[in-house]
Structure formats: structure tokens, C-alpha cells
């Protein structure tokens, strides 16, 4: 199974994935959450932040292990 690309440094997310035995690889992201609209209702704000982070994930180029993203 290919590892999940985790664009987060959250200890709790890593712990949950480890406990569930889901393989993952932490990938860097350079999103500035402060530019997100924090006045949105909670559900929309969380979705907006997640999309913003996804747009700023730096995926590997596939040179490691002959894999591509």
C-alpha cells in the first residue's frame, strides 16, 4: 500500500495514523492559515483551511522509491 501523504505536523494526527497502522509520509506545506477567513461558520472555516493547506502542500517529485504523486 502506498503511504498517505500527510501535509500536517500534528502529533495527534500522526499518533492516530500509527495506531490505525496506516502508512503515511509527512510532506511539507507552507500555508499561512492567518489568510483564511476565520469569520466563517466553523464547518466552512475548517473546510476552507483544509483546502488552503492542500493548495500549499509540497509533494515529492517521485525520485524516491520510483514513485510519483
C-alpha atoms as a PDB file:
ATOM      1  CA  UNK A   1       0.000   0.000   0.000  1.00  0.00           C
ATOM      2  CA  UNK A   2       1.307   3.443  -0.892  1.00  0.00           C
ATOM      3  CA  UNK A   3       1.624   5.750   2.094  1.00  0.00           C
ATOM      4  CA  UNK A   4      -0.830   8.549   2.742  1.00  0.00           C
ATOM      5  CA  UNK A   5       0.688  11.969   2.087  1.00  0.00           C
ATOM      6  CA  UNK A   6       0.202  13.844   5.360  1.00  0.00           C
ATOM      7  CA  UNK A   7       0.555  17.602   4.991  1.00  0.00           C
ATOM      8  CA  UNK A   8       0.498  18.164   8.721  1.00  0.00           C
ATOM      9  CA  UNK A   9       2.978  18.197  11.588  1.00  0.00           C
ATOM     10  CA  UNK A  10       0.240  17.430  14.090  1.00  0.00           C
ATOM     11  CA  UNK A  11       1.413  14.931  16.688  1.00  0.00           C
ATOM     12  CA  UNK A  12      -2.154  13.733  17.292  1.00  0.00           C
ATOM     13  CA  UNK A  13      -2.764  13.047  13.585  1.00  0.00           C
ATOM     14  CA  UNK A  14       0.449  11.028  13.379  1.00  0.00           C
ATOM     15  CA  UNK A  15      -0.491   9.136  16.534  1.00  0.00           C
ATOM     16  CA  UNK A  16      -3.937   8.255  15.154  1.00  0.00           C
ATOM     17  CA  UNK A  17      -2.448   7.022  11.880  1.00  0.00           C
ATOM     18  CA  UNK A  18       0.176   4.999  13.761  1.00  0.00           C
ATOM     19  CA  UNK A  19      -2.472   3.424  15.998  1.00  0.00           C
ATOM     20  CA  UNK A  20      -4.582   2.567  12.944  1.00  0.00           C
ATOM     21  CA  UNK A  21      -1.457   1.167  11.262  1.00  0.00           C
ATOM     22  CA  UNK A  22      -1.985   3.399   8.236  1.00  0.00           C
ATOM     23  CA  UNK A  23       1.301   4.071   6.462  1.00  0.00           C
ATOM     24  CA  UNK A  24       1.982   7.768   5.897  1.00  0.00           C
ATOM     25  CA  UNK A  25       4.684  10.136   4.842  1.00  0.00           C
ATOM     26  CA  UNK A  26       4.830  13.680   6.218  1.00  0.00           C
ATOM     27  CA  UNK A  27       5.106  16.191   3.374  1.00  0.00           C
ATOM     28  CA  UNK A  28       5.872  19.870   3.943  1.00  0.00           C
ATOM     29  CA  UNK A  29       3.329  22.612   3.409  1.00  0.00           C
ATOM     30  CA  UNK A  30       3.838  26.342   3.605  1.00  0.00           C
ATOM     31  CA  UNK A  31       0.272  27.558   4.061  1.00  0.00           C
ATOM     32  CA  UNK A  32      -0.305  30.674   6.126  1.00  0.00           C
ATOM     33  CA  UNK A  33      -3.539  29.935   7.992  1.00  0.00           C
ATOM     34  CA  UNK A  34      -3.869  33.581   9.004  1.00  0.00           C
ATOM     35  CA  UNK A  35      -5.021  34.473   5.467  1.00  0.00           C
ATOM     36  CA  UNK A  36      -8.068  32.191   5.855  1.00  0.00           C
ATOM     37  CA  UNK A  37     -11.477  33.660   6.648  1.00  0.00           C
ATOM     38  CA  UNK A  38     -11.921  32.888  10.349  1.00  0.00           C
ATOM     39  CA  UNK A  39     -15.336  34.576  10.421  1.00  0.00           C
ATOM     40  CA  UNK A  40     -16.964  31.714   8.511  1.00  0.00           C
ATOM     41  CA  UNK A  41     -19.162  29.225  10.357  1.00  0.00           C
ATOM     42  CA  UNK A  42     -16.991  26.501  11.936  1.00  0.00           C
ATOM     43  CA  UNK A  43     -17.653  23.782   9.337  1.00  0.00           C
ATOM     44  CA  UNK A  44     -16.906  26.149   6.450  1.00  0.00           C
ATOM     45  CA  UNK A  45     -13.819  27.575   8.162  1.00  0.00           C
ATOM     46  CA  UNK A  46     -12.369  24.093   8.723  1.00  0.00           C
ATOM     47  CA  UNK A  47     -13.015  23.140   5.084  1.00  0.00           C
ATOM     48  CA  UNK A  48     -11.514  26.410   3.879  1.00  0.00           C
ATOM     49  CA  UNK A  49      -8.353  25.929   5.953  1.00  0.00           C
ATOM     50  CA  UNK A  50      -8.003  22.324   4.730  1.00  0.00           C
ATOM     51  CA  UNK A  51      -8.311  23.435   1.080  1.00  0.00           C
ATOM     52  CA  UNK A  52      -5.801  26.223   1.671  1.00  0.00           C
ATOM     53  CA  UNK A  53      -3.321  23.759   3.185  1.00  0.00           C
ATOM     54  CA  UNK A  54      -3.837  21.293   0.319  1.00  0.00           C
ATOM     55  CA  UNK A  55      -3.041  24.057  -2.151  1.00  0.00           C
ATOM     56  CA  UNK A  56       0.290  24.610  -0.372  1.00  0.00           C
ATOM     57  CA  UNK A  57       1.488  21.030   0.124  1.00  0.00           C
ATOM     58  CA  UNK A  58       4.864  20.360  -1.436  1.00  0.00           C
ATOM     59  CA  UNK A  59       4.594  16.867  -2.913  1.00  0.00           C
ATOM     60  CA  UNK A  60       7.639  14.721  -3.598  1.00  0.00           C
ATOM     61  CA  UNK A  61       8.785  14.607  -7.210  1.00  0.00           C
ATOM     62  CA  UNK A  62       8.780  10.807  -7.359  1.00  0.00           C
ATOM     63  CA  UNK A  63      12.554  10.415  -7.335  1.00  0.00           C
ATOM     64  CA  UNK A  64      12.396   8.390  -4.128  1.00  0.00           C
ATOM     65  CA  UNK A  65      11.387   4.730  -4.487  1.00  0.00           C
ATOM     66  CA  UNK A  66      10.469   5.328  -8.145  1.00  0.00           C
ATOM     67  CA  UNK A  67       7.056   6.620  -7.135  1.00  0.00           C
ATOM     68  CA  UNK A  68       5.104   9.553  -8.467  1.00  0.00           C
ATOM     69  CA  UNK A  69       2.322  11.527  -6.907  1.00  0.00           C
END
